[in-house]
Amino acid sequence: MHPLIDVNPRVMLGKPVIRGTRITVENILERLGAGEAPEEIQEAYPQLSLEAIRAALAYAAEVLSGEVVYPIPEEAA
């Protein structure tokens, strides 16, 4: 896990957040996915650094890399 990401069941119901904030990785990813630039996210959340935004992306990539995919055979599809 990245040192800027914190997962604590007492903070935001255990969702991953930027350490020391209540800003979730999910929120950052949604904003980036909607087309917001990192600088725009920083305007909304001045306490975020570009490094923290990159940490959110790195965390998401790390989580997805552990995802197991079970292919469906052609005849079942």
N, C-alpha and C. Protein backbone atom coordinates (compact mmCIF):
# COMPACT_ATOMS: atom_id res chain seq x y z
N MET A 1 0.85 -1.19 0.00
CA MET A 1 0.00 0.00 0.00
C MET A 1 0.89 1.24 0.00
N HIS A 2 0.38 2.29 -0.56
CA HIS A 2 1.13 3.54 -0.66
C HIS A 2 1.09 4.26 0.69
N PRO A 3 2.18 4.90 1.08
CA PRO A 3 2.21 5.59 2.38
C PRO A 3 1.25 6.78 2.49
N LEU A 4 0.75 7.28 1.38
CA LEU A 4 -0.20 8.40 1.45
C LEU A 4 -1.66 7.93 1.50
N ILE A 5 -1.88 6.63 1.42
CA ILE A 5 -3.23 6.07 1.46
C ILE A 5 -3.45 5.40 2.81
N ASP A 6 -4.61 5.66 3.38
CA ASP A 6 -4.95 5.09 4.68
C ASP A 6 -6.29 4.37 4.55
N VAL A 7 -6.37 3.17 5.14
CA VAL A 7 -7.62 2.43 5.20
C VAL A 7 -7.89 2.15 6.67
N ASN A 8 -8.93 2.80 7.19
CA ASN A 8 -9.24 2.70 8.61
C ASN A 8 -10.76 2.59 8.74
N PRO A 9 -11.25 1.54 9.39
CA PRO A 9 -12.70 1.38 9.50
C PRO A 9 -13.40 2.54 10.21
N ARG A 10 -12.66 3.36 10.92
CA ARG A 10 -13.24 4.51 11.63
C ARG A 10 -13.29 5.77 10.77
N VAL A 11 -12.71 5.70 9.59
CA VAL A 11 -12.69 6.87 8.69
C VAL A 11 -13.39 6.48 7.40
N MET A 12 -14.45 7.20 7.07
CA MET A 12 -15.21 6.98 5.82
C MET A 12 -15.60 5.50 5.63
N LEU A 13 -15.98 4.87 6.73
CA LEU A 13 -16.43 3.47 6.72
C LEU A 13 -15.38 2.51 6.15
N GLY A 14 -14.11 2.87 6.28
CA GLY A 14 -13.03 1.99 5.84
C GLY A 14 -12.64 2.14 4.39
N LYS A 15 -13.26 3.09 3.68
CA LYS A 15 -12.85 3.31 2.30
C LYS A 15 -11.43 3.89 2.31
N PRO A 16 -10.63 3.57 1.30
CA PRO A 16 -9.29 4.15 1.24
C PRO A 16 -9.38 5.66 1.05
N VAL A 17 -8.61 6.38 1.86
CA VAL A 17 -8.57 7.85 1.81
C VAL A 17 -7.13 8.32 1.72
N ILE A 18 -6.97 9.58 1.35
CA ILE A 18 -5.66 10.21 1.42
C ILE A 18 -5.38 10.42 2.90
N ARG A 19 -4.24 9.94 3.34
CA ARG A 19 -3.87 10.00 4.77
C ARG A 19 -4.05 11.41 5.32
N GLY A 20 -4.70 11.48 6.49
CA GLY A 20 -4.90 12.76 7.16
C GLY A 20 -6.09 13.55 6.65
N THR A 21 -6.85 12.96 5.71
CA THR A 21 -8.03 13.63 5.17
C THR A 21 -9.20 12.66 5.18
N ARG A 22 -10.34 13.15 4.75
CA ARG A 22 -11.50 12.29 4.53
C ARG A 22 -11.81 12.24 3.03
N ILE A 23 -10.81 12.53 2.22
CA ILE A 23 -10.96 12.51 0.77
C ILE A 23 -10.68 11.10 0.28
N THR A 24 -11.70 10.46 -0.30
CA THR A 24 -11.54 9.07 -0.70
C THR A 24 -10.83 8.94 -2.05
N VAL A 25 -10.16 7.81 -2.19
CA VAL A 25 -9.55 7.45 -3.47
C VAL A 25 -10.66 7.41 -4.53
N GLU A 26 -11.79 6.87 -4.16
CA GLU A 26 -12.93 6.78 -5.07
C GLU A 26 -13.32 8.16 -5.60
N ASN A 27 -13.39 9.14 -4.74
CA ASN A 27 -13.76 10.50 -5.15
C ASN A 27 -12.75 11.05 -6.15
N ILE A 28 -11.48 10.85 -5.88
CA ILE A 28 -10.44 11.33 -6.79
C ILE A 28 -10.56 10.65 -8.15
N LEU A 29 -10.76 9.33 -8.14
CA LEU A 29 -10.89 8.59 -9.40
C LEU A 29 -12.13 9.02 -10.18
N GLU A 30 -13.24 9.24 -9.49
CA GLU A 30 -14.46 9.71 -10.16
C GLU A 30 -14.23 11.05 -10.84
N ARG A 31 -13.55 11.94 -10.15
CA ARG A 31 -13.29 13.27 -10.72
C ARG A 31 -12.36 13.18 -11.93
N LEU A 32 -11.31 12.37 -11.82
CA LEU A 32 -10.41 12.20 -12.95
C LEU A 32 -11.15 11.55 -14.12
N GLY A 33 -11.98 10.54 -13.81
CA GLY A 33 -12.76 9.86 -14.84
C GLY A 33 -13.77 10.77 -15.52
N ALA A 34 -14.22 11.78 -14.81
CA ALA A 34 -15.17 12.75 -15.38
C ALA A 34 -14.46 13.81 -16.21
N GLY A 35 -13.13 13.72 -16.25
CA GLY A 35 -12.38 14.66 -17.09
C GLY A 35 -11.74 15.82 -16.36
N GLU A 36 -11.86 15.86 -15.04
CA GLU A 36 -11.21 16.95 -14.29
C GLU A 36 -9.70 16.76 -14.32
N ALA A 37 -9.00 17.85 -14.45
CA ALA A 37 -7.54 17.82 -14.38
C ALA A 37 -7.12 17.78 -12.91
N PRO A 38 -5.96 17.21 -12.63
CA PRO A 38 -5.48 17.19 -11.24
C PRO A 38 -5.47 18.58 -10.60
N GLU A 39 -5.16 19.59 -11.38
CA GLU A 39 -5.14 20.96 -10.85
C GLU A 39 -6.53 21.42 -10.41
N GLU A 40 -7.55 20.96 -11.13
CA GLU A 40 -8.93 21.30 -10.75
C GLU A 40 -9.32 20.61 -9.45
N ILE A 41 -8.85 19.39 -9.28
CA ILE A 41 -9.12 18.67 -8.03
C ILE A 41 -8.42 19.38 -6.88
N GLN A 42 -7.22 19.84 -7.13
CA GLN A 42 -6.48 20.59 -6.10
C GLN A 42 -7.21 21.88 -5.74
N GLU A 43 -7.85 22.52 -6.71
CA GLU A 43 -8.62 23.74 -6.41
C GLU A 43 -9.77 23.42 -5.46
N ALA A 44 -10.42 22.26 -5.68
CA ALA A 44 -11.53 21.85 -4.82
C ALA A 44 -11.04 21.39 -3.45
N TYR A 45 -9.87 20.80 -3.42
CA TYR A 45 -9.28 20.28 -2.18
C TYR A 45 -7.84 20.77 -2.07
N PRO A 46 -7.63 21.99 -1.59
CA PRO A 46 -6.29 22.57 -1.56
C PRO A 46 -5.28 21.77 -0.73
N GLN A 47 -5.77 20.93 0.18
CA GLN A 47 -4.85 20.14 1.00
C GLN A 47 -4.24 18.96 0.22
N LEU A 48 -4.74 18.70 -0.98
CA LEU A 48 -4.20 17.60 -1.79
C LEU A 48 -2.99 18.06 -2.58
N SER A 49 -1.99 17.23 -2.59
CA SER A 49 -0.82 17.47 -3.45
C SER A 49 -0.99 16.64 -4.72
N LEU A 50 -0.23 16.98 -5.74
CA LEU A 50 -0.24 16.15 -6.95
C LEU A 50 0.24 14.75 -6.60
N GLU A 51 1.17 14.64 -5.67
CA GLU A 51 1.65 13.32 -5.24
C GLU A 51 0.51 12.49 -4.63
N ALA A 52 -0.38 13.12 -3.89
CA ALA A 52 -1.51 12.41 -3.29
C ALA A 52 -2.47 11.93 -4.38
N ILE A 53 -2.68 12.74 -5.40
CA ILE A 53 -3.55 12.34 -6.51
C ILE A 53 -2.93 11.16 -7.25
N ARG A 54 -1.62 11.22 -7.47
CA ARG A 54 -0.93 10.09 -8.11
C ARG A 54 -0.99 8.85 -7.23
N ALA A 55 -0.91 9.03 -5.92
CA ALA A 55 -1.00 7.90 -4.99
C ALA A 55 -2.35 7.22 -5.11
N ALA A 56 -3.42 8.00 -5.30
CA ALA A 56 -4.75 7.42 -5.47
C ALA A 56 -4.79 6.55 -6.72
N LEU A 57 -4.20 7.03 -7.80
CA LEU A 57 -4.14 6.24 -9.03
C LEU A 57 -3.31 4.98 -8.84
N ALA A 58 -2.17 5.11 -8.18
CA ALA A 58 -1.30 3.95 -7.95
C ALA A 58 -2.00 2.92 -7.08
N TYR A 59 -2.72 3.39 -6.06
CA TYR A 59 -3.46 2.48 -5.18
C TYR A 59 -4.51 1.71 -5.98
N ALA A 60 -5.27 2.42 -6.81
CA ALA A 60 -6.30 1.77 -7.62
C ALA A 60 -5.68 0.73 -8.56
N ALA A 61 -4.57 1.06 -9.17
CA ALA A 61 -3.90 0.12 -10.06
C ALA A 61 -3.43 -1.11 -9.29
N GLU A 62 -2.92 -0.89 -8.09
CA GLU A 62 -2.46 -2.01 -7.26
C GLU A 62 -3.63 -2.93 -6.88
N VAL A 63 -4.74 -2.34 -6.50
CA VAL A 63 -5.91 -3.14 -6.13
C VAL A 63 -6.41 -3.93 -7.33
N LEU A 64 -6.49 -3.29 -8.49
CA LEU A 64 -6.97 -3.98 -9.68
C LEU A 64 -6.01 -5.06 -10.16
N SER A 65 -4.73 -4.89 -9.91
CA SER A 65 -3.76 -5.90 -10.35
C SER A 65 -3.96 -7.22 -9.60
N GLY A 66 -4.57 -7.16 -8.42
CA GLY A 66 -4.83 -8.37 -7.66
C GLY A 66 -6.17 -9.00 -7.96
N GLU A 67 -6.95 -8.36 -8.84
CA GLU A 67 -8.27 -8.87 -9.19
C GLU A 67 -8.14 -10.15 -10.01
N VAL A 68 -8.92 -11.14 -9.65
CA VAL A 68 -8.93 -12.40 -10.38
C VAL A 68 -10.08 -12.39 -11.37
N VAL A 69 -9.77 -12.70 -12.62
CA VAL A 69 -10.79 -12.73 -13.67
C VAL A 69 -10.97 -14.16 -14.12
N TYR A 70 -12.22 -14.60 -14.16
CA TYR A 70 -12.54 -15.95 -14.61
C TYR A 70 -13.19 -15.85 -15.98
N PRO A 71 -12.45 -16.22 -17.03
CA PRO A 71 -13.03 -16.12 -18.37
C PRO A 71 -14.21 -17.10 -18.54
N ILE A 72 -15.20 -16.67 -19.29
CA ILE A 72 -16.34 -17.51 -19.59
C ILE A 72 -16.06 -18.22 -20.92
N PRO A 73 -16.18 -19.54 -20.95
CA PRO A 73 -15.94 -20.24 -22.22
C PRO A 73 -16.89 -19.75 -23.31
N GLU A 74 -16.46 -19.79 -24.55
CA GLU A 74 -17.24 -19.30 -25.69
C GLU A 74 -18.64 -19.92 -25.73
N GLU A 75 -18.74 -21.23 -25.52
CA GLU A 75 -20.03 -21.90 -25.64
C GLU A 75 -21.01 -21.49 -24.55
N ALA A 76 -20.52 -20.96 -23.43
CA ALA A 76 -21.40 -20.53 -22.35
C ALA A 76 -21.87 -19.09 -22.53
N ALA A 77 -21.19 -18.35 -23.38
CA ALA A 77 -21.51 -16.93 -23.54
C ALA A 77 -22.69 -16.68 -24.39
